[in-house]
Amino acid sequence: MQQTVYDKFKELFGSDGDIRTYFAPGRVNLIGEHTDYNGGHVFPCALTIGTYAAARKREDRVIRFYSINLSDKGVIETSLDDLTPADAAGWTNYPKGVVWAFIGRGYAIETGFDMVIIGDIPAGSGLSSSASLEVLTGFMLRDLYGLDQVTNVELAQIGQYSENNYNGMNCGIMDQFASAMGKKDNAIFLDCNTLDYEYAPIVLNGYKIVVTNSKVKHSLVDSAYNDRRSSCEKALSELKAVIDIDSLGALTEEEFEAHKSAIADPVRVRRAHHAVYENRRTIKAVEALKRGDLTEFGKLMNESHISLRDDYETSCVEVDVLVDAAWSCDGCLGSRITGGGFGGCSVSIVRDDAIDTFKDTLTKAYKDKCDMVPEFYVVSVGDGPTRF
């Protein structure tokens, strides 16, 4: 894909000058869902699929974008003097937002650029194509404009800030952090309240991570995501009246049970219950992985899905069918929905010699109950962004 994006750039924008090529990965979250904006822990890993770009600085203030995946949109042009978000800008609102955030932080970007991208993250899969594009853009800007003082952690923060404040998606930092800070064969155990993190080797000893794409994405995802976040913020404010905490992630299960009566609405109780218990599950899951206890890790993944399905209500019929089928498979240690929810993917830990049977079982169940065929990715854990 590196060659493809480079060749397309030369075809569209000419072969002269300093053309540079870059990559930033997508991610899958093994456990710790909807905990990042609640001050809890997450456990994602970067993937070897993601977004590639070829780019070159310009002498003027014009910016030109082109996506090989969305070739029907053609070249979309804007300038440094017109960085306001616009529906007509489509996908380019993501890189535009990152440019806007860089400039807002006082970084000197005084000339425009041309940029061609291509990605191999399946659309709507919940594997963070948007965060991949944001981190890719930030990494490219740092390199093109010599902004060496920008760390990879700051690239993640800029990506999250731009998605929150430019694109209106009130996400936490997990997706951008996983893309910016990925490390081959390691997942990232991240405290989203402090940004303290450690790398935990993914040693699966005869098992693989299998991502199953439902190929559905329900349209309520953005508004429902923001609703879940506001519910948790309200629950936190109610709990603060009776206990001194700064986030739901600060609570143990016992503390939550002792004080949950302060939350007036039963729906908010369930939302907060998920945030607290999912955070604790994540801590326990990393401990289990360090001990080499994959069975316990898988059990906690299953509990995570049940909580996301029943308490947080971010699963959907289609993904529930896939997860239920996975739970029935010999050789599957655990399976859960991953990502923002309302469609997208499940993630499972499957024994090597059971992967073919696993795929067959889920394909049959999904066809029978949803009249659809899923896609499977036996994923590899990769590094963060790079320049080729």
Protein backbone atom coordinates (compact mmCIF):
# COMPACT_ATOMS: atom_id res chain seq x y z
CA MET A 1 0.00 0.00 0.00
CA GLN A 2 2.95 2.28 0.56
CA GLN A 3 3.81 2.03 -3.13
CA THR A 4 0.18 2.43 -4.18
CA VAL A 5 -0.26 5.68 -2.28
CA TYR A 6 3.10 7.01 -3.51
CA ASP A 7 2.27 6.23 -7.14
CA LYS A 8 -1.17 7.84 -6.85
CA PHE A 9 0.36 10.94 -5.34
CA LYS A 10 2.76 11.32 -8.28
CA GLU A 11 -0.10 10.77 -10.73
CA LEU A 12 -2.29 13.45 -9.14
CA PHE A 13 0.19 16.01 -7.89
CA GLY A 14 3.44 15.40 -9.79
CA SER A 15 6.68 13.65 -8.92
CA ASP A 16 8.87 16.65 -8.13
CA GLY A 17 9.89 17.77 -4.66
CA ASP A 18 10.14 15.93 -1.35
CA ILE A 19 7.33 13.36 -1.28
CA ARG A 20 7.19 11.47 2.00
CA THR A 21 5.19 8.36 2.94
CA TYR A 22 3.76 7.46 6.34
CA PHE A 23 1.65 4.88 8.18
CA ALA A 24 -0.41 4.89 11.39
CA PRO A 25 -2.20 1.80 12.73
CA GLY A 26 -5.74 1.01 13.72
CA ARG A 27 -6.37 -0.67 17.04
CA VAL A 28 -8.41 -3.33 18.77
CA ASN A 29 -9.26 -3.08 22.45
CA LEU A 30 -8.92 -6.39 24.25
CA ILE A 31 -10.84 -5.24 27.34
CA GLY A 32 -11.79 -1.96 29.00
CA GLU A 33 -14.61 -0.51 26.92
CA HIS A 34 -16.13 2.92 27.58
CA THR A 35 -13.79 3.32 30.53
CA ASP A 36 -11.39 5.79 28.92
CA TYR A 37 -13.60 8.87 29.31
CA ASN A 38 -14.60 7.65 32.79
CA GLY A 39 -11.06 7.88 34.14
CA GLY A 40 -10.48 4.13 34.06
CA HIS A 41 -8.08 1.69 32.46
CA VAL A 42 -8.04 0.30 28.93
CA PHE A 43 -6.03 -2.46 27.28
CA PRO A 44 -5.77 -1.90 23.52
CA CYS A 45 -3.12 -2.90 21.01
CA ALA A 46 -2.14 -1.40 17.69
CA LEU A 47 -2.70 -3.52 14.59
CA THR A 48 -0.67 -4.03 11.44
CA ILE A 49 -3.59 -2.61 9.42
CA GLY A 50 -4.16 1.12 9.31
CA THR A 51 -3.85 4.20 7.11
CA TYR A 52 -1.05 5.13 4.71
CA ALA A 53 -0.28 8.59 3.32
CA ALA A 54 1.97 10.27 0.83
CA ALA A 55 2.44 14.00 1.40
CA ARG A 56 4.46 17.01 0.30
CA LYS A 57 4.68 20.58 1.54
CA ARG A 58 3.49 23.40 -0.69
CA GLU A 59 4.76 26.95 -1.06
CA ASP A 60 1.30 28.54 -0.70
CA ARG A 61 -1.48 28.08 1.89
CA VAL A 62 -3.54 25.59 -0.13
CA ILE A 63 -4.25 22.07 1.21
CA ARG A 64 -5.33 19.28 -1.16
CA PHE A 65 -6.62 15.88 -0.02
CA TYR A 66 -7.38 12.71 -1.94
CA SER A 67 -8.50 9.30 -0.66
CA ILE A 68 -7.95 6.24 -2.85
CA ASN A 69 -10.69 4.48 -0.85
CA LEU A 70 -13.12 7.30 -1.67
CA SER A 71 -11.91 8.07 -5.17
CA ASP A 72 -15.39 9.21 -6.27
CA LYS A 73 -14.98 12.25 -4.01
CA GLY A 74 -12.02 13.43 -6.09
CA VAL A 75 -9.48 15.96 -4.86
CA ILE A 76 -10.89 18.04 -1.99
CA GLU A 77 -9.25 21.42 -1.63
CA THR A 78 -9.17 23.86 1.27
CA SER A 79 -6.59 26.24 2.74
CA LEU A 80 -5.01 27.21 6.03
CA ASP A 81 -7.33 30.23 5.95
CA ASP A 82 -10.45 28.06 5.80
CA LEU A 83 -10.19 25.36 8.46
CA THR A 84 -13.78 25.47 9.69
CA PRO A 85 -15.56 22.07 9.70
CA ALA A 86 -18.08 21.58 6.93
CA ASP A 87 -20.39 18.72 5.94
CA ALA A 88 -19.22 19.09 2.34
CA ALA A 89 -15.64 18.41 3.48
CA GLY A 90 -16.60 14.82 4.38
CA TRP A 91 -13.70 12.66 5.53
CA THR A 92 -11.24 15.56 5.28
CA ASN A 93 -12.72 17.06 8.44
CA TYR A 94 -10.51 14.60 10.35
CA PRO A 95 -7.13 15.75 9.00
CA LYS A 96 -8.36 19.37 8.85
CA GLY A 97 -9.24 19.14 12.54
CA VAL A 98 -5.72 17.99 13.37
CA VAL A 99 -4.19 20.90 11.42
CA TRP A 100 -6.56 23.25 13.27
CA ALA A 101 -5.52 21.76 16.62
CA PHE A 102 -1.80 22.05 15.83
CA ILE A 103 -2.19 25.71 14.93
CA GLY A 104 -4.34 26.27 18.01
CA ARG A 105 -1.46 24.99 20.16
CA GLY A 106 0.85 27.55 18.59
CA TYR A 107 2.74 25.26 16.25
CA ALA A 108 3.98 26.97 13.10
CA ILE A 109 2.24 25.58 10.02
CA GLU A 110 2.43 28.47 7.57
CA THR A 111 2.25 26.66 4.24
CA GLY A 112 -0.16 24.04 2.97
CA PHE A 113 0.42 20.51 1.72
CA ASP A 114 -0.87 17.86 -0.65
CA MET A 115 -1.89 14.52 0.89
CA VAL A 116 -3.07 11.21 -0.59
CA ILE A 117 -4.27 8.44 1.73
CA ILE A 118 -5.31 4.80 1.52
CA GLY A 119 -6.44 2.56 4.35
CA ASP A 120 -6.97 -1.16 4.89
CA ILE A 121 -9.13 -0.86 8.02
CA PRO A 122 -12.61 -2.06 7.01
CA ALA A 123 -15.08 0.84 7.02
CA GLY A 124 -17.41 0.90 10.00
CA SER A 125 -15.58 -1.95 11.72
CA GLY A 126 -14.87 -0.12 14.95
CA LEU A 127 -11.12 -0.62 14.56
CA SER A 128 -10.51 3.13 14.72
CA SER A 129 -9.94 4.28 11.18
CA SER A 130 -10.65 7.87 12.33
CA ALA A 131 -8.04 7.78 15.10
CA SER A 132 -5.57 6.17 12.68
CA LEU A 133 -6.11 9.06 10.26
CA GLU A 134 -5.79 11.66 13.01
CA VAL A 135 -2.53 10.21 14.34
CA LEU A 136 -1.24 9.79 10.78
CA THR A 137 -1.95 13.46 10.05
CA GLY A 138 -0.28 14.62 13.25
CA PHE A 139 2.75 12.41 12.64
CA MET A 140 3.00 13.78 9.10
CA LEU A 141 2.71 17.41 10.26
CA ARG A 142 5.42 16.88 12.87
CA ASP A 143 7.76 15.48 10.23
CA LEU A 144 6.97 17.84 7.35
CA TYR A 145 7.19 21.01 9.44
CA GLY A 146 10.05 19.99 11.74
CA LEU A 147 7.95 20.07 14.92
CA ASP A 148 10.19 17.65 16.78
CA GLN A 149 9.03 18.89 20.18
CA VAL A 150 5.66 17.17 19.67
CA THR A 151 5.75 13.78 21.44
CA ASN A 152 3.72 10.75 20.41
CA VAL A 153 1.62 11.16 23.55
CA GLU A 154 0.84 14.70 22.42
CA LEU A 155 -0.08 13.37 18.97
CA ALA A 156 -2.71 11.24 20.73
CA GLN A 157 -3.94 14.21 22.77
CA ILE A 158 -4.17 16.42 19.68
CA GLY A 159 -6.10 13.72 17.82
CA GLN A 160 -8.58 13.35 20.67
CA TYR A 161 -8.92 17.11 21.08
CA SER A 162 -9.64 17.61 17.40
CA GLU A 163 -12.22 14.82 17.33
CA ASN A 164 -13.94 16.23 20.44
CA ASN A 165 -13.86 19.89 19.53
CA TYR A 166 -13.72 19.96 15.73
CA ASN A 167 -15.68 16.88 14.73
CA GLY A 168 -18.06 16.82 17.71
CA MET A 169 -17.42 13.20 18.74
CA ASN A 170 -16.89 13.19 22.49
CA CYS A 171 -14.48 10.22 22.53
CA GLY A 172 -11.90 9.37 25.15
CA ILE A 173 -8.21 9.11 24.40
CA MET A 174 -7.85 5.34 24.01
CA ASP A 175 -8.07 5.06 20.22
CA GLN A 176 -5.56 7.80 19.47
CA PHE A 177 -3.22 6.63 22.25
CA ALA A 178 -3.21 3.06 20.97
CA SER A 179 -2.39 4.23 17.45
CA ALA A 180 0.28 6.73 18.48
CA MET A 181 1.96 4.53 21.12
CA GLY A 182 1.61 1.04 19.62
CA LYS A 183 4.38 -1.49 20.17
CA LYS A 184 4.76 -4.75 18.27
CA ASP A 185 3.56 -7.83 20.18
CA ASN A 186 2.44 -5.70 23.15
CA ALA A 187 -0.83 -4.28 24.38
CA ILE A 188 -0.93 -0.98 26.29
CA PHE A 189 -2.25 -0.94 29.85
CA LEU A 190 -3.28 2.71 30.10
CA ASP A 191 -4.69 4.67 33.02
CA CYS A 192 -6.81 7.19 31.14
CA ASN A 193 -7.04 9.48 34.17
CA THR A 194 -3.28 10.03 34.46
CA LEU A 195 -1.97 8.73 31.09
CA ASP A 196 0.38 6.46 33.03
CA TYR A 197 0.92 3.38 30.91
CA GLU A 198 2.90 0.19 30.62
CA TYR A 199 3.42 -2.27 27.80
CA ALA A 200 2.26 -5.82 28.47
CA PRO A 201 3.58 -8.55 26.15
CA ILE A 202 0.86 -10.47 24.32
CA VAL A 203 1.99 -14.05 24.91
CA LEU A 204 -0.89 -16.26 23.78
CA ASN A 205 0.85 -19.64 23.64
CA GLY A 206 -1.11 -21.43 20.95
CA TYR A 207 -3.96 -18.94 20.71
CA LYS A 208 -4.69 -16.06 18.35
CA ILE A 209 -6.67 -12.82 18.51
CA VAL A 210 -9.55 -13.12 16.03
CA VAL A 211 -11.58 -10.05 15.11
CA THR A 212 -15.00 -10.73 13.61
CA ASN A 213 -16.65 -7.94 11.64
CA SER A 214 -20.45 -7.90 11.80
CA LYS A 215 -20.44 -5.50 8.83
CA VAL A 216 -23.19 -3.44 10.44
CA LYS A 217 -22.93 0.01 11.91
CA HIS A 218 -26.13 1.41 13.36
CA SER A 219 -26.66 5.08 12.68
CA LEU A 220 -27.25 6.06 16.31
CA VAL A 221 -23.63 5.44 17.25
CA ASP A 222 -22.44 9.05 17.59
CA SER A 223 -25.45 10.41 19.48
CA ALA A 224 -25.76 7.29 21.66
CA TYR A 225 -22.04 7.42 22.47
CA ASN A 226 -22.35 11.02 23.60
CA ASP A 227 -25.49 10.11 25.60
CA ARG A 228 -23.58 7.37 27.45
CA ARG A 229 -20.83 9.80 28.30
CA SER A 230 -23.22 12.46 29.60
CA SER A 231 -25.04 9.84 31.71
CA CYS A 232 -21.77 8.86 33.36
CA GLU A 233 -20.82 12.50 33.93
CA LYS A 234 -24.17 13.08 35.66
CA ALA A 235 -23.76 9.93 37.76
CA LEU A 236 -20.27 11.08 38.77
CA SER A 237 -21.61 14.47 39.86
CA GLU A 238 -24.25 12.73 42.00
CA LEU A 239 -21.64 10.44 43.58
CA LYS A 240 -19.36 13.38 44.33
CA ALA A 241 -21.99 14.64 46.75
CA VAL A 242 -21.34 11.62 48.98
CA ILE A 243 -17.76 10.50 48.25
CA ASP A 244 -14.57 12.35 47.34
CA ILE A 245 -13.66 11.07 43.83
CA ASP A 246 -12.60 12.67 40.57
CA SER A 247 -13.75 9.89 38.22
CA LEU A 248 -15.80 6.71 38.16
CA GLY A 249 -12.56 4.87 37.55
CA ALA A 250 -11.42 5.83 41.06
CA LEU A 251 -14.10 3.62 42.65
CA THR A 252 -13.77 0.01 43.71
CA GLU A 253 -16.76 -2.27 43.28
CA GLU A 254 -17.39 -2.13 47.04
CA GLU A 255 -17.31 1.68 47.14
CA PHE A 256 -19.72 1.86 44.23
CA GLU A 257 -22.19 -0.53 45.87
CA ALA A 258 -22.01 1.46 49.11
CA HIS A 259 -22.78 4.78 47.46
CA LYS A 260 -24.78 4.02 44.29
CA SER A 261 -28.05 5.07 45.96
CA ALA A 262 -26.86 8.66 45.42
CA ILE A 263 -27.55 8.20 41.70
CA ALA A 264 -31.17 9.16 41.17
CA ASP A 265 -31.92 7.47 37.86
CA PRO A 266 -31.78 3.65 37.46
CA VAL A 267 -30.42 3.93 33.92
CA ARG A 268 -27.54 6.06 35.17
CA VAL A 269 -26.91 3.47 37.90
CA ARG A 270 -26.44 0.81 35.21
CA ARG A 271 -24.19 3.03 33.13
CA ALA A 272 -21.99 3.84 36.13
CA HIS A 273 -22.04 0.18 37.23
CA HIS A 274 -20.51 -0.76 33.89
CA ALA A 275 -17.84 1.96 34.09
CA VAL A 276 -16.73 0.91 37.58
CA TYR A 277 -16.85 -2.86 37.12
CA GLU A 278 -15.33 -2.77 33.62
CA ASN A 279 -12.38 -0.80 34.95
CA ARG A 280 -11.79 -3.40 37.66
CA ARG A 281 -12.17 -6.22 35.11
CA THR A 282 -9.48 -4.61 33.00
CA ILE A 283 -7.03 -4.41 35.91
CA LYS A 284 -7.74 -8.08 36.75
CA ALA A 285 -7.39 -9.12 33.09
CA VAL A 286 -3.92 -7.60 32.76
CA GLU A 287 -2.88 -9.31 35.98
CA ALA A 288 -4.18 -12.61 34.57
CA LEU A 289 -2.26 -12.12 31.32
CA LYS A 290 0.94 -11.44 33.24
CA ARG A 291 0.40 -14.72 35.11
CA GLY A 292 -0.20 -16.52 31.84
CA ASP A 293 -3.79 -17.31 32.89
CA LEU A 294 -5.52 -17.02 29.52
CA THR A 295 -8.61 -18.84 30.81
CA GLU A 296 -9.23 -16.11 33.39
CA PHE A 297 -8.52 -13.43 30.78
CA GLY A 298 -11.17 -14.97 28.51
CA LYS A 299 -13.71 -15.21 31.35
CA LEU A 300 -13.28 -11.49 32.04
CA MET A 301 -13.76 -10.74 28.33
CA ASN A 302 -17.08 -12.60 28.46
CA GLU A 303 -18.17 -10.66 31.54
CA SER A 304 -17.24 -7.45 29.74
CA HIS A 305 -19.59 -8.28 26.87
CA ILE A 306 -22.48 -9.07 29.20
CA SER A 307 -22.00 -5.72 30.91
CA LEU A 308 -21.80 -3.85 27.60
CA ARG A 309 -24.92 -5.66 26.41
CA ASP A 310 -27.04 -5.27 29.54
CA ASP A 311 -25.74 -2.33 31.61
CA TYR A 312 -24.24 -0.02 29.01
CA GLU A 313 -26.47 -1.18 26.15
CA THR A 314 -23.91 -0.58 23.42
CA SER A 315 -24.08 -3.98 21.79
CA CYS A 316 -26.65 -4.94 19.16
CA VAL A 317 -28.48 -8.04 17.93
CA GLU A 318 -25.95 -8.81 15.21
CA VAL A 319 -22.86 -8.69 17.42
CA ASP A 320 -24.68 -10.58 20.18
CA VAL A 321 -25.30 -13.41 17.69
CA LEU A 322 -21.60 -13.55 16.86
CA VAL A 323 -20.52 -13.48 20.51
CA ASP A 324 -23.08 -16.11 21.54
CA ALA A 325 -21.83 -18.37 18.76
CA ALA A 326 -18.22 -17.77 19.82
CA TRP A 327 -19.06 -18.74 23.40
CA SER A 328 -20.36 -22.09 22.11
CA CYS A 329 -17.08 -22.94 20.38
CA ASP A 330 -14.57 -25.30 21.89
CA GLY A 331 -11.22 -23.54 21.82
CA CYS A 332 -12.62 -20.01 22.25
CA LEU A 333 -11.49 -18.68 25.63
CA GLY A 334 -13.44 -15.43 25.46
CA SER A 335 -15.32 -13.11 23.14
CA ARG A 336 -16.75 -9.61 23.42
CA ILE A 337 -17.84 -6.61 21.42
CA THR A 338 -15.01 -4.15 20.90
CA GLY A 339 -15.01 -0.46 20.05
CA GLY A 340 -17.74 2.13 20.46
CA GLY A 341 -20.50 -0.38 19.83
CA PHE A 342 -23.86 -0.49 18.00
CA GLY A 343 -22.25 -2.71 15.38
CA GLY A 344 -18.66 -3.15 14.33
CA CYS A 345 -16.57 -6.06 15.57
CA SER A 346 -16.16 -8.66 18.24
CA VAL A 347 -12.75 -9.73 19.50
CA SER A 348 -12.07 -13.31 20.56
CA ILE A 349 -9.17 -15.39 21.87
CA VAL A 350 -9.20 -18.66 19.89
CA ARG A 351 -6.95 -21.71 20.00
CA ASP A 352 -4.90 -22.11 16.81
CA ASP A 353 -6.33 -25.50 15.86
CA ALA A 354 -9.91 -24.30 16.46
CA ILE A 355 -9.86 -21.19 14.26
CA ASP A 356 -11.36 -22.84 11.16
CA THR A 357 -14.20 -24.41 13.17
CA PHE A 358 -14.72 -21.07 14.95
CA LYS A 359 -15.13 -19.29 11.62
CA ASP A 360 -17.51 -21.94 10.31
CA THR A 361 -19.66 -21.88 13.46
CA LEU A 362 -19.99 -18.09 13.51
CA THR A 363 -20.64 -17.89 9.77
CA LYS A 364 -23.48 -20.42 10.01
CA ALA A 365 -25.08 -18.78 13.06
CA TYR A 366 -24.86 -15.32 11.52
CA LYS A 367 -26.28 -16.48 8.21
CA ASP A 368 -29.13 -18.35 9.92
CA LYS A 369 -30.11 -15.56 12.34
CA CYS A 370 -29.15 -12.36 10.53
CA ASP A 371 -28.92 -13.46 6.88
CA MET A 372 -25.44 -11.93 6.68
CA VAL A 373 -21.89 -13.21 6.31
CA PRO A 374 -19.23 -11.93 8.75
CA GLU A 375 -15.60 -11.19 7.96
CA PHE A 376 -12.71 -12.51 10.05
CA TYR A 377 -9.25 -11.08 10.69
CA VAL A 378 -6.63 -13.08 12.56
CA VAL A 379 -4.75 -10.00 13.65
CA SER A 380 -1.14 -9.22 14.40
CA VAL A 381 -0.10 -6.67 17.01
CA GLY A 382 1.99 -3.95 15.43
CA ASP A 383 3.95 -0.77 16.06
CA GLY A 384 2.81 2.84 16.15
CA PRO A 385 3.19 5.42 13.38
CA THR A 386 6.18 5.40 11.08
CA ARG A 387 7.74 7.13 8.10
CA PHE A 388 8.97 4.87 5.34
